[in-house]
């Protein structure tokens, strides 16, 4: 295997993974969390295990 073949295989795998994800769970911008919520007053949410309870 050459580097070119391995790189092409990796890129094709990533494209297939994104296409698979997009097909089964289409984007919904109305229910997505804010990408950047700096100073908006929104509480951070997500899977950070080190977050202390309020």
PDB file of N, CA and C in Angstrom:
ATOM      1  N   UNK A   1       0.835  -1.176   0.000  1.00  0.00           N
ATOM      2  CA  UNK A   1       0.000   0.000   0.000  1.00  0.00           C
ATOM      3  C   UNK A   1       0.881   1.242   0.000  1.00  0.00           C
ATOM      4  N   UNK A   2       0.458   2.189  -0.777  1.00  0.00           N
ATOM      5  CA  UNK A   2       1.201   3.441  -0.848  1.00  0.00           C
ATOM      6  C   UNK A   2       0.505   4.501  -0.006  1.00  0.00           C
ATOM      7  N   UNK A   3       1.193   5.589   0.202  1.00  0.00           N
ATOM      8  CA  UNK A   3       0.593   6.694   0.959  1.00  0.00           C
ATOM      9  C   UNK A   3      -0.618   7.259   0.240  1.00  0.00           C
ATOM     10  N   UNK A   4      -0.524   7.349  -1.061  1.00  0.00           N
ATOM     11  CA  UNK A   4      -1.637   7.922  -1.833  1.00  0.00           C
ATOM     12  C   UNK A   4      -2.890   7.056  -1.697  1.00  0.00           C
ATOM     13  N   UNK A   5      -2.732   5.749  -1.770  1.00  0.00           N
ATOM     14  CA  UNK A   5      -3.869   4.840  -1.636  1.00  0.00           C
ATOM     15  C   UNK A   5      -4.455   4.919  -0.224  1.00  0.00           C
ATOM     16  N   UNK A   6      -3.586   4.939   0.783  1.00  0.00           N
ATOM     17  CA  UNK A   6      -4.055   5.004   2.162  1.00  0.00           C
ATOM     18  C   UNK A   6      -4.759   6.329   2.438  1.00  0.00           C
ATOM     19  N   UNK A   7      -4.224   7.421   1.925  1.00  0.00           N
ATOM     20  CA  UNK A   7      -4.865   8.726   2.114  1.00  0.00           C
ATOM     21  C   UNK A   7      -6.215   8.772   1.400  1.00  0.00           C
ATOM     22  N   UNK A   8      -6.278   8.238   0.195  1.00  0.00           N
ATOM     23  CA  UNK A   8      -7.546   8.213  -0.541  1.00  0.00           C
ATOM     24  C   UNK A   8      -8.574   7.360   0.184  1.00  0.00           C
ATOM     25  N   UNK A   9      -8.134   6.257   0.755  1.00  0.00           N
ATOM     26  CA  UNK A   9      -9.032   5.383   1.514  1.00  0.00           C
ATOM     27  C   UNK A   9      -9.546   6.093   2.768  1.00  0.00           C
ATOM     28  N   UNK A  10      -8.672   6.823   3.447  1.00  0.00           N
ATOM     29  CA  UNK A  10      -9.083   7.562   4.647  1.00  0.00           C
ATOM     30  C   UNK A  10     -10.071   8.672   4.302  1.00  0.00           C
ATOM     31  N   UNK A  11      -9.810   9.422   3.240  1.00  0.00           N
ATOM     32  CA  UNK A  11     -10.716  10.499   2.830  1.00  0.00           C
ATOM     33  C   UNK A  11     -12.058   9.929   2.396  1.00  0.00           C
ATOM     34  N   UNK A  12     -12.033   8.836   1.654  1.00  0.00           N
ATOM     35  CA  UNK A  12     -13.286   8.203   1.229  1.00  0.00           C
ATOM     36  C   UNK A  12     -14.077   7.710   2.438  1.00  0.00           C
ATOM     37  N   UNK A  13     -13.387   7.182   3.435  1.00  0.00           N
ATOM     38  CA  UNK A  13     -14.062   6.739   4.653  1.00  0.00           C
ATOM     39  C   UNK A  13     -14.707   7.891   5.400  1.00  0.00           C
ATOM     40  N   UNK A  14     -14.012   9.022   5.475  1.00  0.00           N
ATOM     41  CA  UNK A  14     -14.584  10.191   6.131  1.00  0.00           C
ATOM     42  C   UNK A  14     -15.800  10.728   5.380  1.00  0.00           C
ATOM     43  N   UNK A  15     -15.709  10.743   4.059  1.00  0.00           N
ATOM     44  CA  UNK A  15     -16.840  11.205   3.250  1.00  0.00           C
ATOM     45  C   UNK A  15     -18.032  10.277   3.436  1.00  0.00           C
ATOM     46  N   UNK A  16     -17.795   8.980   3.456  1.00  0.00           N
ATOM     47  CA  UNK A  16     -18.887   8.027   3.678  1.00  0.00           C
ATOM     48  C   UNK A  16     -19.492   8.183   5.070  1.00  0.00           C
ATOM     49  N   UNK A  17     -18.653   8.435   6.061  1.00  0.00           N
ATOM     50  CA  UNK A  17     -19.155   8.620   7.420  1.00  0.00           C
ATOM     51  C   UNK A  17     -20.032   9.863   7.522  1.00  0.00           C
ATOM     52  N   UNK A  18     -19.598  10.952   6.920  1.00  0.00           N
ATOM     53  CA  UNK A  18     -20.396  12.191   6.942  1.00  0.00           C
ATOM     54  C   UNK A  18     -21.693  12.002   6.155  1.00  0.00           C
ATOM     55  N   UNK A  19     -21.628  11.332   5.013  1.00  0.00           N
ATOM     56  CA  UNK A  19     -22.838  11.084   4.217  1.00  0.00           C
ATOM     57  C   UNK A  19     -23.811  10.190   4.975  1.00  0.00           C
ATOM     58  N   UNK A  20     -23.303   9.179   5.653  1.00  0.00           N
ATOM     59  CA  UNK A  20     -24.152   8.282   6.448  1.00  0.00           C
ATOM     60  C   UNK A  20     -24.836   9.053   7.569  1.00  0.00           C
ATOM     61  N   UNK A  21     -24.080   9.902   8.264  1.00  0.00           N
ATOM     62  CA  UNK A  21     -24.635  10.686   9.358  1.00  0.00           C
ATOM     63  C   UNK A  21     -25.671  11.682   8.849  1.00  0.00           C
ATOM     64  N   UNK A  22     -25.382  12.328   7.741  1.00  0.00           N
ATOM     65  CA  UNK A  22     -26.314  13.309   7.174  1.00  0.00           C
ATOM     66  C   UNK A  22     -27.601  12.633   6.700  1.00  0.00           C
ATOM     67  N   UNK A  23     -27.503  11.438   6.173  1.00  0.00           N
ATOM     68  CA  UNK A  23     -28.683  10.736   5.659  1.00  0.00           C
ATOM     69  C   UNK A  23     -29.622  10.334   6.791  1.00  0.00           C
ATOM     70  N   UNK A  24     -29.071   9.854   7.906  1.00  0.00           N
ATOM     71  CA  UNK A  24     -29.916   9.358   8.981  1.00  0.00           C
ATOM     72  C   UNK A  24     -30.316  10.428   9.994  1.00  0.00           C
ATOM     73  N   UNK A  25     -29.560  11.500  10.110  1.00  0.00           N
ATOM     74  CA  UNK A  25     -29.912  12.588  11.029  1.00  0.00           C
ATOM     75  C   UNK A  25     -29.670  13.918  10.331  1.00  0.00           C
ATOM     76  N   UNK A  26     -30.646  14.401   9.558  1.00  0.00           N
ATOM     77  CA  UNK A  26     -30.459  15.683   8.872  1.00  0.00           C
ATOM     78  C   UNK A  26     -30.325  16.832   9.869  1.00  0.00           C
ATOM     79  N   UNK A  27     -29.630  17.871   9.450  1.00  0.00           N
ATOM     80  CA  UNK A  27     -29.421  19.025  10.314  1.00  0.00           C
ATOM     81  C   UNK A  27     -30.732  19.733  10.602  1.00  0.00           C
ATOM     82  N   UNK A  28     -30.885  20.189  11.824  1.00  0.00           N
ATOM     83  CA  UNK A  28     -32.052  20.962  12.233  1.00  0.00           C
ATOM     84  C   UNK A  28     -31.541  22.201  12.963  1.00  0.00           C
ATOM     85  N   UNK A  29     -31.381  23.316  12.249  1.00  0.00           N
ATOM     86  CA  UNK A  29     -30.803  24.502  12.891  1.00  0.00           C
ATOM     87  C   UNK A  29     -31.694  25.104  13.968  1.00  0.00           C
ATOM     88  N   UNK A  30     -32.959  24.734  14.019  1.00  0.00           N
ATOM     89  CA  UNK A  30     -33.873  25.314  15.002  1.00  0.00           C
ATOM     90  C   UNK A  30     -33.756  24.643  16.363  1.00  0.00           C
ATOM     91  N   UNK A  31     -33.212  23.436  16.424  1.00  0.00           N
ATOM     92  CA  UNK A  31     -33.047  22.751  17.700  1.00  0.00           C
ATOM     93  C   UNK A  31     -31.590  22.536  18.064  1.00  0.00           C
ATOM     94  N   UNK A  32     -30.697  23.073  17.292  1.00  0.00           N
ATOM     95  CA  UNK A  32     -29.272  22.936  17.580  1.00  0.00           C
ATOM     96  C   UNK A  32     -28.873  23.932  18.658  1.00  0.00           C
ATOM     97  N   UNK A  33     -27.925  23.544  19.527  1.00  0.00           N
ATOM     98  CA  UNK A  33     -27.455  24.505  20.521  1.00  0.00           C
ATOM     99  C   UNK A  33     -26.640  25.607  19.861  1.00  0.00           C
ATOM    100  N   UNK A  34     -26.516  26.709  20.539  1.00  0.00           N
ATOM    101  CA  UNK A  34     -25.747  27.821  20.004  1.00  0.00           C
ATOM    102  C   UNK A  34     -24.289  27.414  19.844  1.00  0.00           C
ATOM    103  N   UNK A  35     -23.688  27.763  18.721  1.00  0.00           N
ATOM    104  CA  UNK A  35     -22.294  27.422  18.489  1.00  0.00           C
ATOM    105  C   UNK A  35     -21.395  28.222  19.420  1.00  0.00           C
ATOM    106  N   UNK A  36     -21.627  29.519  19.496  1.00  0.00           N
ATOM    107  CA  UNK A  36     -20.918  30.394  20.422  1.00  0.00           C
ATOM    108  C   UNK A  36     -21.963  31.153  21.224  1.00  0.00           C
ATOM    109  N   UNK A  37     -21.931  31.025  22.531  1.00  0.00           N
ATOM    110  CA  UNK A  37     -22.914  31.691  23.376  1.00  0.00           C
ATOM    111  C   UNK A  37     -22.211  32.599  24.373  1.00  0.00           C
ATOM    112  N   UNK A  38     -21.199  33.305  23.911  1.00  0.00           N
ATOM    113  CA  UNK A  38     -20.437  34.164  24.805  1.00  0.00           C
ATOM    114  C   UNK A  38     -21.265  35.370  25.219  1.00  0.00           C
ATOM    115  N   UNK A  39     -21.520  35.495  26.505  1.00  0.00           N
ATOM    116  CA  UNK A  39     -22.246  36.640  27.025  1.00  0.00           C
ATOM    117  C   UNK A  39     -23.735  36.622  26.751  1.00  0.00           C
ATOM    118  N   UNK A  40     -24.281  35.493  26.329  1.00  0.00           N
ATOM    119  CA  UNK A  40     -25.705  35.444  26.005  1.00  0.00           C
ATOM    120  C   UNK A  40     -26.566  35.104  27.205  1.00  0.00           C
ATOM    121  N   UNK A  41     -25.944  34.671  28.298  1.00  0.00           N
ATOM    122  CA  UNK A  41     -26.710  34.290  29.477  1.00  0.00           C
ATOM    123  C   UNK A  41     -27.140  32.842  29.459  1.00  0.00           C
ATOM    124  N   UNK A  42     -26.892  32.125  28.378  1.00  0.00           N
ATOM    125  CA  UNK A  42     -27.251  30.718  28.313  1.00  0.00           C
ATOM    126  C   UNK A  42     -26.266  29.898  29.126  1.00  0.00           C
ATOM    127  N   UNK A  43     -26.789  28.895  29.800  1.00  0.00           N
ATOM    128  CA  UNK A  43     -25.946  28.014  30.588  1.00  0.00           C
ATOM    129  C   UNK A  43     -25.302  26.988  29.651  1.00  0.00           C
ATOM    130  N   UNK A  44     -24.047  26.713  29.898  1.00  0.00           N
ATOM    131  CA  UNK A  44     -23.359  25.702  29.100  1.00  0.00           C
ATOM    132  C   UNK A  44     -23.986  24.344  29.326  1.00  0.00           C
ATOM    133  N   UNK A  45     -24.163  23.588  28.266  1.00  0.00           N
ATOM    134  CA  UNK A  45     -24.726  22.246  28.363  1.00  0.00           C
ATOM    135  C   UNK A  45     -23.852  21.319  27.536  1.00  0.00           C
ATOM    136  N   UNK A  46     -23.828  20.095  27.921  1.00  0.00           N
ATOM    137  CA  UNK A  46     -23.038  19.141  27.166  1.00  0.00           C
ATOM    138  C   UNK A  46     -22.457  18.084  28.064  1.00  0.00           C
ATOM    139  N   UNK A  47     -21.547  17.343  27.534  1.00  0.00           N
ATOM    140  CA  UNK A  47     -21.002  16.194  28.243  1.00  0.00           C
ATOM    141  C   UNK A  47     -19.644  16.462  28.840  1.00  0.00           C
ATOM    142  N   UNK A  48     -19.526  17.449  29.701  1.00  0.00           N
ATOM    143  CA  UNK A  48     -18.246  17.682  30.373  1.00  0.00           C
ATOM    144  C   UNK A  48     -18.345  17.120  31.775  1.00  0.00           C
ATOM    145  N   UNK A  49     -17.648  16.056  32.034  1.00  0.00           N
ATOM    146  CA  UNK A  49     -17.768  15.327  33.308  1.00  0.00           C
ATOM    147  C   UNK A  49     -17.208  16.108  34.483  1.00  0.00           C
ATOM    148  N   UNK A  50     -16.336  17.071  34.247  1.00  0.00           N
ATOM    149  CA  UNK A  50     -15.734  17.810  35.339  1.00  0.00           C
ATOM    150  C   UNK A  50     -16.534  19.022  35.777  1.00  0.00           C
ATOM    151  N   UNK A  51     -17.696  19.240  35.160  1.00  0.00           N
ATOM    152  CA  UNK A  51     -18.504  20.403  35.513  1.00  0.00           C
ATOM    153  C   UNK A  51     -19.112  20.194  36.900  1.00  0.00           C
ATOM    154  N   UNK A  52     -18.994  21.207  37.735  1.00  0.00           N
ATOM    155  CA  UNK A  52     -19.535  21.113  39.090  1.00  0.00           C
ATOM    156  C   UNK A  52     -21.025  21.418  39.083  1.00  0.00           C
ATOM    157  N   UNK A  53     -21.786  20.773  39.968  1.00  0.00           N
ATOM    158  CA  UNK A  53     -23.222  21.073  40.020  1.00  0.00           C
ATOM    159  C   UNK A  53     -23.452  22.467  40.579  1.00  0.00           C
ATOM    160  N   UNK A  54     -24.601  23.034  40.252  1.00  0.00           N
ATOM    161  CA  UNK A  54     -24.917  24.394  40.713  1.00  0.00           C
ATOM    162  C   UNK A  54     -25.471  24.366  42.102  1.00  0.00           C
TER     163      UNK A  54
END
